[in-house]
Amino acid sequence: MENQKITLVDDEGKETEFELVVTFDVGDDTYAILAGEDSEDAFPVKINEGEDGETILIPVESDEEFEMVSEAYDALDFGEEE
């Protein structure tokens, strides 16, 4: 399966492409892990749907929410053996 690419535009109009690593649910919310193409960094975003049906990605900024999402991600089974 080929990884999905997502292009985000910042406040200054600069486009940056990210790879969608995985999506998963935590309670009633859906999150995604995005990874930068040119770095090893990855970060979580919350996925919401706007009134017009448009997908909205909201950065996870609070330490509490980040910890919750990190724990849920760590618990995912990717079918890999150690």
N, C-alpha and C. Protein backbone atom coordinates (compact mmCIF):
# COMPACT_ATOMS: atom_id res chain seq x y z
N MET A 1 0.84 -1.18 0.00
CA MET A 1 0.00 0.00 0.00
C MET A 1 0.89 1.24 0.00
N GLU A 2 0.63 2.13 -0.92
CA GLU A 2 1.41 3.36 -1.01
C GLU A 2 0.89 4.37 0.00
N ASN A 3 1.81 5.08 0.64
CA ASN A 3 1.42 6.05 1.66
C ASN A 3 0.79 7.27 1.03
N GLN A 4 -0.20 7.80 1.71
CA GLN A 4 -0.92 8.97 1.23
C GLN A 4 -0.14 10.23 1.56
N LYS A 5 -0.10 11.17 0.64
CA LYS A 5 0.55 12.46 0.84
C LYS A 5 -0.50 13.52 1.12
N ILE A 6 -0.17 14.41 2.02
CA ILE A 6 -1.05 15.51 2.38
C ILE A 6 -0.25 16.80 2.29
N THR A 7 -0.80 17.80 1.62
CA THR A 7 -0.14 19.10 1.51
C THR A 7 -0.86 20.08 2.42
N LEU A 8 -0.09 20.67 3.34
CA LEU A 8 -0.64 21.68 4.25
C LEU A 8 -0.09 23.04 3.86
N VAL A 9 -0.90 24.06 4.05
CA VAL A 9 -0.52 25.42 3.72
C VAL A 9 -0.50 26.23 5.01
N ASP A 10 0.64 26.90 5.27
CA ASP A 10 0.74 27.69 6.50
C ASP A 10 0.11 29.06 6.31
N ASP A 11 0.18 29.88 7.36
CA ASP A 11 -0.44 31.21 7.32
C ASP A 11 0.15 32.13 6.27
N GLU A 12 1.37 31.85 5.86
CA GLU A 12 2.04 32.67 4.85
C GLU A 12 1.88 32.12 3.44
N GLY A 13 1.10 31.04 3.30
CA GLY A 13 0.84 30.46 1.99
C GLY A 13 1.88 29.44 1.53
N LYS A 14 2.83 29.12 2.40
CA LYS A 14 3.86 28.14 2.04
C LYS A 14 3.30 26.73 2.15
N GLU A 15 3.45 25.94 1.08
CA GLU A 15 2.96 24.57 1.06
C GLU A 15 4.06 23.62 1.52
N THR A 16 3.68 22.66 2.37
CA THR A 16 4.59 21.63 2.84
C THR A 16 3.89 20.29 2.71
N GLU A 17 4.59 19.31 2.13
CA GLU A 17 4.00 17.99 1.94
C GLU A 17 4.38 17.06 3.09
N PHE A 18 3.39 16.30 3.55
CA PHE A 18 3.57 15.35 4.63
C PHE A 18 3.06 13.99 4.19
N GLU A 19 3.58 12.97 4.84
CA GLU A 19 3.10 11.62 4.61
C GLU A 19 2.14 11.25 5.74
N LEU A 20 0.98 10.71 5.37
CA LEU A 20 0.03 10.22 6.37
C LEU A 20 0.51 8.84 6.81
N VAL A 21 0.98 8.74 8.05
CA VAL A 21 1.53 7.49 8.57
C VAL A 21 0.41 6.54 8.96
N VAL A 22 -0.54 7.03 9.75
CA VAL A 22 -1.63 6.20 10.24
C VAL A 22 -2.74 7.08 10.78
N THR A 23 -3.96 6.57 10.75
CA THR A 23 -5.08 7.21 11.45
C THR A 23 -5.63 6.20 12.46
N PHE A 24 -6.16 6.70 13.57
CA PHE A 24 -6.70 5.84 14.60
C PHE A 24 -7.66 6.64 15.47
N ASP A 25 -8.54 5.92 16.16
CA ASP A 25 -9.53 6.55 17.03
C ASP A 25 -9.09 6.47 18.48
N VAL A 26 -9.37 7.54 19.20
CA VAL A 26 -9.19 7.58 20.65
C VAL A 26 -10.51 8.11 21.19
N GLY A 27 -11.28 7.22 21.80
CA GLY A 27 -12.61 7.61 22.25
C GLY A 27 -13.46 7.97 21.04
N ASP A 28 -14.07 9.13 21.07
CA ASP A 28 -14.92 9.58 19.97
C ASP A 28 -14.16 10.41 18.93
N ASP A 29 -12.86 10.60 19.12
CA ASP A 29 -12.06 11.44 18.23
C ASP A 29 -11.17 10.59 17.33
N THR A 30 -10.86 11.14 16.14
CA THR A 30 -9.96 10.48 15.21
C THR A 30 -8.70 11.32 15.10
N TYR A 31 -7.56 10.64 15.11
CA TYR A 31 -6.26 11.30 15.02
C TYR A 31 -5.47 10.71 13.86
N ALA A 32 -4.50 11.48 13.40
CA ALA A 32 -3.58 11.01 12.37
C ALA A 32 -2.17 11.37 12.80
N ILE A 33 -1.22 10.56 12.35
CA ILE A 33 0.18 10.88 12.55
C ILE A 33 0.73 11.29 11.19
N LEU A 34 1.29 12.48 11.12
CA LEU A 34 1.88 13.00 9.89
C LEU A 34 3.38 13.07 10.05
N ALA A 35 4.10 12.74 8.98
CA ALA A 35 5.56 12.79 8.99
C ALA A 35 6.02 13.70 7.87
N GLY A 36 7.01 14.54 8.18
CA GLY A 36 7.59 15.42 7.18
C GLY A 36 8.42 14.61 6.19
N GLU A 37 8.39 15.02 4.93
CA GLU A 37 9.13 14.30 3.90
C GLU A 37 10.64 14.37 4.10
N ASP A 38 11.12 15.50 4.57
CA ASP A 38 12.56 15.73 4.66
C ASP A 38 13.10 15.57 6.08
N SER A 39 12.33 14.96 6.96
CA SER A 39 12.81 14.78 8.32
C SER A 39 12.24 13.51 8.92
N GLU A 40 12.78 13.13 10.04
CA GLU A 40 12.31 11.95 10.76
C GLU A 40 11.20 12.32 11.74
N ASP A 41 10.89 13.61 11.85
CA ASP A 41 9.89 14.07 12.80
C ASP A 41 8.49 13.68 12.35
N ALA A 42 7.67 13.32 13.31
CA ALA A 42 6.26 13.03 13.06
C ALA A 42 5.45 13.73 14.16
N PHE A 43 4.23 14.08 13.82
CA PHE A 43 3.40 14.75 14.82
C PHE A 43 1.94 14.37 14.65
N PRO A 44 1.20 14.39 15.76
CA PRO A 44 -0.22 14.03 15.70
C PRO A 44 -1.10 15.24 15.40
N VAL A 45 -2.19 14.95 14.70
CA VAL A 45 -3.22 15.96 14.46
C VAL A 45 -4.58 15.30 14.71
N LYS A 46 -5.51 16.09 15.16
CA LYS A 46 -6.88 15.64 15.36
C LYS A 46 -7.64 15.92 14.07
N ILE A 47 -8.46 14.98 13.63
CA ILE A 47 -9.23 15.13 12.39
C ILE A 47 -10.66 15.49 12.75
N ASN A 48 -11.11 16.63 12.28
CA ASN A 48 -12.50 17.07 12.45
C ASN A 48 -13.10 17.31 11.08
N GLU A 49 -14.43 17.37 11.05
CA GLU A 49 -15.12 17.69 9.81
C GLU A 49 -15.81 19.03 9.98
N GLY A 50 -15.55 19.93 9.04
CA GLY A 50 -16.18 21.25 9.09
C GLY A 50 -17.63 21.18 8.68
N GLU A 51 -18.32 22.29 8.82
CA GLU A 51 -19.74 22.35 8.49
C GLU A 51 -20.01 22.05 7.03
N ASP A 52 -19.05 22.38 6.16
CA ASP A 52 -19.21 22.14 4.73
C ASP A 52 -18.70 20.77 4.30
N GLY A 53 -18.35 19.91 5.28
CA GLY A 53 -17.86 18.57 4.98
C GLY A 53 -16.38 18.50 4.73
N GLU A 54 -15.71 19.65 4.80
CA GLU A 54 -14.27 19.71 4.58
C GLU A 54 -13.52 19.13 5.78
N THR A 55 -12.45 18.39 5.52
CA THR A 55 -11.64 17.81 6.58
C THR A 55 -10.75 18.90 7.18
N ILE A 56 -10.75 18.99 8.50
CA ILE A 56 -9.94 19.97 9.21
C ILE A 56 -8.94 19.22 10.08
N LEU A 57 -7.66 19.55 9.96
CA LEU A 57 -6.61 18.95 10.77
C LEU A 57 -6.20 19.95 11.84
N ILE A 58 -6.30 19.54 13.10
CA ILE A 58 -6.00 20.42 14.23
C ILE A 58 -4.78 19.87 14.96
N PRO A 59 -3.70 20.65 15.04
CA PRO A 59 -2.51 20.17 15.76
C PRO A 59 -2.82 19.86 17.22
N VAL A 60 -2.22 18.79 17.72
CA VAL A 60 -2.35 18.44 19.14
C VAL A 60 -1.34 19.30 19.89
N GLU A 61 -1.84 20.18 20.76
CA GLU A 61 -0.95 21.13 21.42
C GLU A 61 -0.85 20.94 22.93
N SER A 62 -1.89 20.41 23.55
CA SER A 62 -1.82 20.27 25.01
C SER A 62 -1.01 19.02 25.36
N ASP A 63 -0.27 19.10 26.46
CA ASP A 63 0.53 17.96 26.91
C ASP A 63 -0.35 16.76 27.24
N GLU A 64 -1.50 17.01 27.84
CA GLU A 64 -2.41 15.93 28.23
C GLU A 64 -2.92 15.18 27.00
N GLU A 65 -3.38 15.92 25.99
CA GLU A 65 -3.88 15.29 24.77
C GLU A 65 -2.76 14.57 24.04
N PHE A 66 -1.56 15.18 23.99
CA PHE A 66 -0.42 14.56 23.33
C PHE A 66 -0.07 13.22 23.98
N GLU A 67 -0.08 13.18 25.31
CA GLU A 67 0.22 11.95 26.03
C GLU A 67 -0.82 10.87 25.74
N MET A 68 -2.09 11.27 25.71
CA MET A 68 -3.17 10.33 25.42
C MET A 68 -3.02 9.74 24.01
N VAL A 69 -2.73 10.60 23.05
CA VAL A 69 -2.57 10.15 21.66
C VAL A 69 -1.32 9.28 21.53
N SER A 70 -0.24 9.66 22.19
CA SER A 70 0.99 8.87 22.15
C SER A 70 0.78 7.46 22.69
N GLU A 71 0.06 7.36 23.80
CA GLU A 71 -0.22 6.05 24.39
C GLU A 71 -1.07 5.20 23.45
N ALA A 72 -2.07 5.82 22.81
CA ALA A 72 -2.93 5.08 21.88
C ALA A 72 -2.12 4.62 20.66
N TYR A 73 -1.23 5.48 20.17
CA TYR A 73 -0.38 5.11 19.03
C TYR A 73 0.54 3.95 19.41
N ASP A 74 1.15 4.02 20.58
CA ASP A 74 2.06 2.96 21.03
C ASP A 74 1.33 1.62 21.18
N ALA A 75 0.03 1.67 21.46
CA ALA A 75 -0.73 0.44 21.65
C ALA A 75 -1.18 -0.20 20.34
N LEU A 76 -1.02 0.53 19.22
CA LEU A 76 -1.42 -0.03 17.92
C LEU A 76 -0.55 -1.22 17.56
N ASP A 77 -1.17 -2.21 16.93
CA ASP A 77 -0.45 -3.40 16.49
C ASP A 77 -0.26 -3.30 14.98
N PHE A 78 0.99 -3.09 14.56
CA PHE A 78 1.29 -2.96 13.14
C PHE A 78 1.68 -4.29 12.52
N GLY A 79 1.52 -5.38 13.26
CA GLY A 79 1.83 -6.69 12.72
C GLY A 79 3.32 -6.96 12.59
N GLU A 80 4.14 -6.20 13.28
CA GLU A 80 5.59 -6.38 13.21
C GLU A 80 6.04 -7.23 14.40
N GLU A 81 6.98 -8.11 14.14
CA GLU A 81 7.55 -8.91 15.22
C GLU A 81 8.89 -8.34 15.60
N GLU A 82 9.20 -8.39 16.88
CA GLU A 82 10.50 -7.88 17.35
C GLU A 82 11.52 -8.97 17.33
